[in-house]
């Protein structure tokens, strides 16, 4: 039952995957309570912080429901909320950069972005909205970059618009290295500015990716919320059996 303490995959991610597999396998049925935080700490030899992050991730994937002061329970619709989590290399998902910054502001991020990044309800971040194009000025992706204000102080629209990928600019400017990133990919009906910038009809289904880069101290460096043109982007992965 022990987790791999030497693995590159964070312990909380290993734990959330163990629990997710148990839920899908039917070891914990819909509505059933998961072991307590203390029991999970004892069973897997990890800290309470690790357990809480794992449970928060499962809640974000809608596999469990957390009830304050009561416990954590398998969601009744968990069978339809299953998602696949892959471990890979950050550079493999960085978009080729020909970036045009459209606007910048300080705003509260959308609720789904805030919850995925585990930010407080009151969070306000620096926003850079941009498009990324490929040869022939064809739009590839419409992006909203969100930065914590302490990170944003080290950035500028000019720096982000250069040939270097945004997260590399952030690392260099802030002096903080990326420890890991988390990403969710889901469909989105493109409307408004997104549809206009991607040059698709309103309501066109596009691929949306929300990615959060964390530094080695587990603090967010950048939140990347992108809508990809449906005919210009493809995501592939090579999968191996779990050892």
Protein backbone atom coordinates (compact mmCIF):
# COMPACT_ATOMS: atom_id res chain seq x y z
CA UNK A 1 0.00 0.00 0.00
CA UNK A 2 3.02 2.29 0.41
CA UNK A 3 3.53 5.12 -2.06
CA UNK A 4 6.76 5.60 -4.02
CA UNK A 5 8.60 8.31 -2.09
CA UNK A 6 11.31 8.57 -4.79
CA UNK A 7 8.95 8.96 -7.75
CA UNK A 8 8.67 12.21 -9.71
CA UNK A 9 4.88 12.05 -9.33
CA UNK A 10 3.82 14.02 -6.19
CA UNK A 11 2.65 11.89 -3.28
CA UNK A 12 -0.82 13.46 -3.21
CA UNK A 13 -1.26 12.58 -6.91
CA UNK A 14 -0.19 8.99 -6.25
CA UNK A 15 -2.69 8.79 -3.40
CA UNK A 16 -5.55 10.34 -5.37
CA UNK A 17 -4.93 7.83 -8.17
CA UNK A 18 -4.95 4.90 -5.72
CA UNK A 19 -8.27 6.06 -4.30
CA UNK A 20 -9.74 6.82 -7.73
CA UNK A 21 -8.88 3.31 -8.92
CA UNK A 22 -10.50 1.84 -5.81
CA UNK A 23 -13.67 3.86 -6.46
CA UNK A 24 -13.88 2.78 -10.10
CA UNK A 25 -13.19 -0.84 -9.12
CA UNK A 26 -16.16 -0.72 -6.75
CA UNK A 27 -14.18 -1.02 -3.52
CA UNK A 28 -16.02 2.11 -2.38
CA UNK A 29 -19.57 2.29 -3.68
CA UNK A 30 -21.61 5.41 -4.46
CA UNK A 31 -22.42 7.27 -1.24
CA UNK A 32 -19.93 5.26 0.83
CA UNK A 33 -17.54 7.02 3.18
CA UNK A 34 -13.83 6.93 2.45
CA UNK A 35 -11.40 6.25 5.31
CA UNK A 36 -10.78 9.26 7.53
CA UNK A 37 -7.82 11.56 6.94
CA UNK A 38 -6.07 10.03 9.95
CA UNK A 39 -6.66 6.50 8.64
CA UNK A 40 -5.29 7.43 5.22
CA UNK A 41 -2.23 9.03 6.81
CA UNK A 42 -1.56 5.84 8.76
CA UNK A 43 -2.25 3.50 5.85
CA UNK A 44 -0.07 5.28 3.29
CA UNK A 45 2.56 6.83 5.54
CA UNK A 46 1.95 10.40 4.42
CA UNK A 47 1.13 13.73 6.05
CA UNK A 48 -2.34 15.16 6.55
CA UNK A 49 -1.53 17.91 4.04
CA UNK A 50 -0.84 15.24 1.41
CA UNK A 51 -4.11 13.46 2.21
CA UNK A 52 -6.12 16.69 2.02
CA UNK A 53 -4.62 17.63 -1.34
CA UNK A 54 -5.43 14.14 -2.67
CA UNK A 55 -9.03 14.37 -1.49
CA UNK A 56 -9.38 17.90 -2.87
CA UNK A 57 -8.20 16.61 -6.24
CA UNK A 58 -10.75 13.78 -6.18
CA UNK A 59 -13.45 16.33 -5.32
CA UNK A 60 -12.32 18.46 -8.28
CA UNK A 61 -12.75 15.42 -10.52
CA UNK A 62 -16.24 14.94 -9.02
CA UNK A 63 -15.39 11.46 -7.79
CA UNK A 64 -16.04 12.35 -4.14
CA UNK A 65 -17.96 14.87 -2.07
CA UNK A 66 -16.32 16.46 0.96
CA UNK A 67 -18.65 17.35 3.84
CA UNK A 68 -17.10 19.64 6.39
CA UNK A 69 -17.02 18.06 9.83
CA UNK A 70 -18.48 14.80 8.53
CA UNK A 71 -16.08 13.18 6.07
CA UNK A 72 -15.48 12.35 2.42
CA UNK A 73 -18.00 10.29 0.45
CA UNK A 74 -18.02 8.69 -3.00
CA UNK A 75 -20.09 10.86 -5.34
CA UNK A 76 -23.32 9.27 -6.51
CA UNK A 77 -22.50 10.10 -10.13
CA UNK A 78 -18.83 9.11 -9.86
CA UNK A 79 -19.15 6.49 -12.59
CA UNK A 80 -19.89 9.20 -15.16
CA UNK A 81 -17.27 11.60 -13.83
CA UNK A 82 -14.27 9.33 -14.29
CA UNK A 83 -11.27 10.95 -15.93
CA UNK A 84 -7.83 9.68 -16.88
CA UNK A 85 -4.75 11.24 -15.29
CA UNK A 86 -1.48 10.97 -17.18
CA UNK A 87 2.05 11.78 -16.09
CA UNK A 88 4.28 13.32 -18.71
CA UNK A 89 6.77 16.06 -19.55
CA UNK A 90 5.78 19.73 -19.28
CA UNK A 91 7.57 20.69 -22.51
CA UNK A 92 5.37 18.24 -24.45
CA UNK A 93 2.26 20.39 -23.88
CA UNK A 94 3.73 23.88 -24.28
CA UNK A 95 2.13 25.61 -27.27
CA UNK A 96 4.42 26.80 -30.10
CA UNK A 97 4.76 30.51 -29.48
CA UNK A 98 3.71 33.29 -31.84
CA UNK A 99 1.77 35.12 -29.19
CA UNK A 100 -0.24 38.34 -29.51
CA UNK A 101 -1.38 39.94 -26.25
CA UNK A 102 -4.90 41.34 -26.63
CA UNK A 103 -5.51 42.85 -23.21
CA UNK A 104 -4.35 42.82 -19.61
CA UNK A 105 -6.19 43.46 -16.35
CA UNK A 106 -6.53 42.40 -12.72
CA UNK A 107 -9.62 40.24 -12.28
CA UNK A 108 -11.16 37.36 -10.37
CA UNK A 109 -10.72 34.17 -12.42
CA UNK A 110 -13.80 32.14 -13.42
CA UNK A 111 -15.06 29.76 -10.74
CA UNK A 112 -13.98 26.60 -12.58
CA UNK A 113 -10.45 27.94 -13.03
CA UNK A 114 -10.28 29.10 -9.41
CA UNK A 115 -11.47 25.74 -8.08
CA UNK A 116 -9.12 23.73 -10.28
CA UNK A 117 -6.20 25.85 -9.08
CA UNK A 118 -7.43 25.56 -5.45
CA UNK A 119 -7.50 29.33 -5.02
CA UNK A 120 -9.56 31.15 -2.36
CA UNK A 121 -12.92 32.66 -3.31
CA UNK A 122 -11.48 36.16 -2.99
CA UNK A 123 -8.51 35.57 -5.32
CA UNK A 124 -7.71 38.30 -7.83
CA UNK A 125 -5.02 37.66 -10.41
CA UNK A 126 -3.24 39.42 -13.23
CA UNK A 127 -4.81 38.45 -16.55
CA UNK A 128 -3.12 38.49 -19.95
CA UNK A 129 -5.47 37.49 -22.76
CA UNK A 130 -3.80 36.41 -25.99
CA UNK A 131 -3.96 34.42 -29.20
CA UNK A 132 -1.30 32.10 -30.56
CA UNK A 133 -1.01 31.64 -34.31
CA UNK A 134 0.83 29.29 -36.63
CA UNK A 135 2.23 29.92 -40.11
CA UNK A 136 -0.09 31.91 -42.35
CA UNK A 137 -1.51 33.74 -39.32
CA UNK A 138 -3.88 30.83 -38.66
CA UNK A 139 -5.23 30.93 -35.07
CA UNK A 140 -4.19 27.92 -33.05
CA UNK A 141 -5.29 28.81 -29.53
CA UNK A 142 -7.00 31.56 -27.54
CA UNK A 143 -5.35 31.84 -24.14
CA UNK A 144 -6.04 33.48 -20.82
CA UNK A 145 -2.93 33.54 -18.65
CA UNK A 146 -3.56 34.16 -14.95
CA UNK A 147 -0.70 35.09 -12.63
CA UNK A 148 -0.58 35.64 -8.86
CA UNK A 149 0.11 39.33 -8.26
CA UNK A 150 3.56 38.74 -6.76
CA UNK A 151 4.56 36.86 -9.93
CA UNK A 152 2.88 39.41 -12.20
CA UNK A 153 5.10 42.18 -10.83
CA UNK A 154 8.03 40.56 -12.63
CA UNK A 155 6.26 40.28 -16.01
CA UNK A 156 5.19 42.47 -18.90
CA UNK A 157 3.13 42.06 -22.04
CA UNK A 158 6.25 42.67 -24.12
CA UNK A 159 8.16 39.85 -22.41
CA UNK A 160 5.27 37.41 -22.82
CA UNK A 161 4.87 38.32 -26.50
CA UNK A 162 8.38 37.21 -27.39
CA UNK A 163 9.44 33.86 -28.89
CA UNK A 164 9.99 32.24 -25.47
CA UNK A 165 7.12 30.20 -24.00
CA UNK A 166 5.29 32.05 -21.24
CA UNK A 167 6.15 29.66 -18.42
CA UNK A 168 9.84 29.91 -19.31
CA UNK A 169 9.56 33.70 -19.14
CA UNK A 170 7.90 33.35 -15.73
CA UNK A 171 10.64 31.08 -14.38
CA UNK A 172 13.36 33.44 -15.53
CA UNK A 173 11.65 36.63 -14.37
CA UNK A 174 10.47 35.37 -10.98
CA UNK A 175 13.50 33.25 -10.14
CA UNK A 176 11.17 30.37 -9.24
CA UNK A 177 11.41 26.98 -10.93
CA UNK A 178 8.45 24.84 -11.96
CA UNK A 179 8.05 21.80 -9.74
CA UNK A 180 5.11 20.25 -11.57
CA UNK A 181 1.98 21.13 -13.51
CA UNK A 182 -1.60 19.85 -13.42
CA UNK A 183 -3.94 19.91 -16.39
CA UNK A 184 -7.54 19.10 -17.27
CA UNK A 185 -8.77 18.88 -20.88
CA UNK A 186 -12.47 19.14 -21.71
CA UNK A 187 -14.85 20.27 -24.48
CA UNK A 188 -16.03 23.89 -24.68
CA UNK A 189 -18.70 25.59 -26.78
CA UNK A 190 -16.80 28.56 -28.17
CA UNK A 191 -18.65 31.85 -27.86
CA UNK A 192 -17.92 35.58 -27.80
CA UNK A 193 -14.27 36.55 -27.89
CA UNK A 194 -13.08 32.93 -28.02
CA UNK A 195 -15.13 32.15 -31.14
CA UNK A 196 -14.13 35.42 -32.79
CA UNK A 197 -10.43 34.98 -32.17
CA UNK A 198 -10.43 31.34 -33.31
CA UNK A 199 -12.54 32.34 -36.35
CA UNK A 200 -15.17 29.67 -35.71
CA UNK A 201 -18.95 29.92 -35.54
CA UNK A 202 -20.44 30.59 -32.08
CA UNK A 203 -21.25 27.27 -30.42
CA UNK A 204 -18.48 25.35 -32.19
CA UNK A 205 -17.05 22.69 -29.91
CA UNK A 206 -13.36 23.29 -29.24
CA UNK A 207 -10.82 21.70 -26.94
CA UNK A 208 -10.21 23.52 -23.68
CA UNK A 209 -7.19 22.96 -21.44
CA UNK A 210 -6.72 24.42 -17.98
CA UNK A 211 -3.17 23.99 -16.71
CA UNK A 212 -1.66 25.14 -13.43
CA UNK A 213 2.10 25.37 -13.03
CA UNK A 214 3.36 25.09 -9.45
CA UNK A 215 6.82 25.95 -8.15
CA UNK A 216 8.86 23.55 -6.03
CA UNK A 217 7.17 24.95 -2.91
CA UNK A 218 3.74 23.98 -4.36
CA UNK A 219 2.74 27.61 -4.95
CA UNK A 220 1.04 28.53 -8.27
CA UNK A 221 3.21 30.33 -10.82
CA UNK A 222 0.87 30.46 -13.79
CA UNK A 223 -2.64 29.36 -14.69
CA UNK A 224 -3.14 28.66 -18.37
CA UNK A 225 -6.73 28.56 -19.68
CA UNK A 226 -6.74 27.85 -23.40
CA UNK A 227 -9.26 27.07 -26.14
CA UNK A 228 -7.75 25.26 -29.14
CA UNK A 229 -8.98 25.51 -32.71
CA UNK A 230 -10.84 22.23 -33.44
CA UNK A 231 -9.02 21.49 -36.72
CA UNK A 232 -5.56 22.80 -35.84
CA UNK A 233 -4.68 20.90 -32.69
CA UNK A 234 -4.31 17.24 -31.78
CA UNK A 235 -3.16 15.71 -28.50
CA UNK A 236 -1.54 12.29 -28.56
CA UNK A 237 -0.08 10.15 -25.77
CA UNK A 238 1.92 6.94 -25.50
CA UNK A 239 0.66 4.77 -22.66
CA UNK A 240 2.38 1.94 -20.81
CA UNK A 241 1.00 -0.58 -18.29
CA UNK A 242 1.37 0.33 -14.63
CA UNK A 243 4.36 -1.45 -13.08
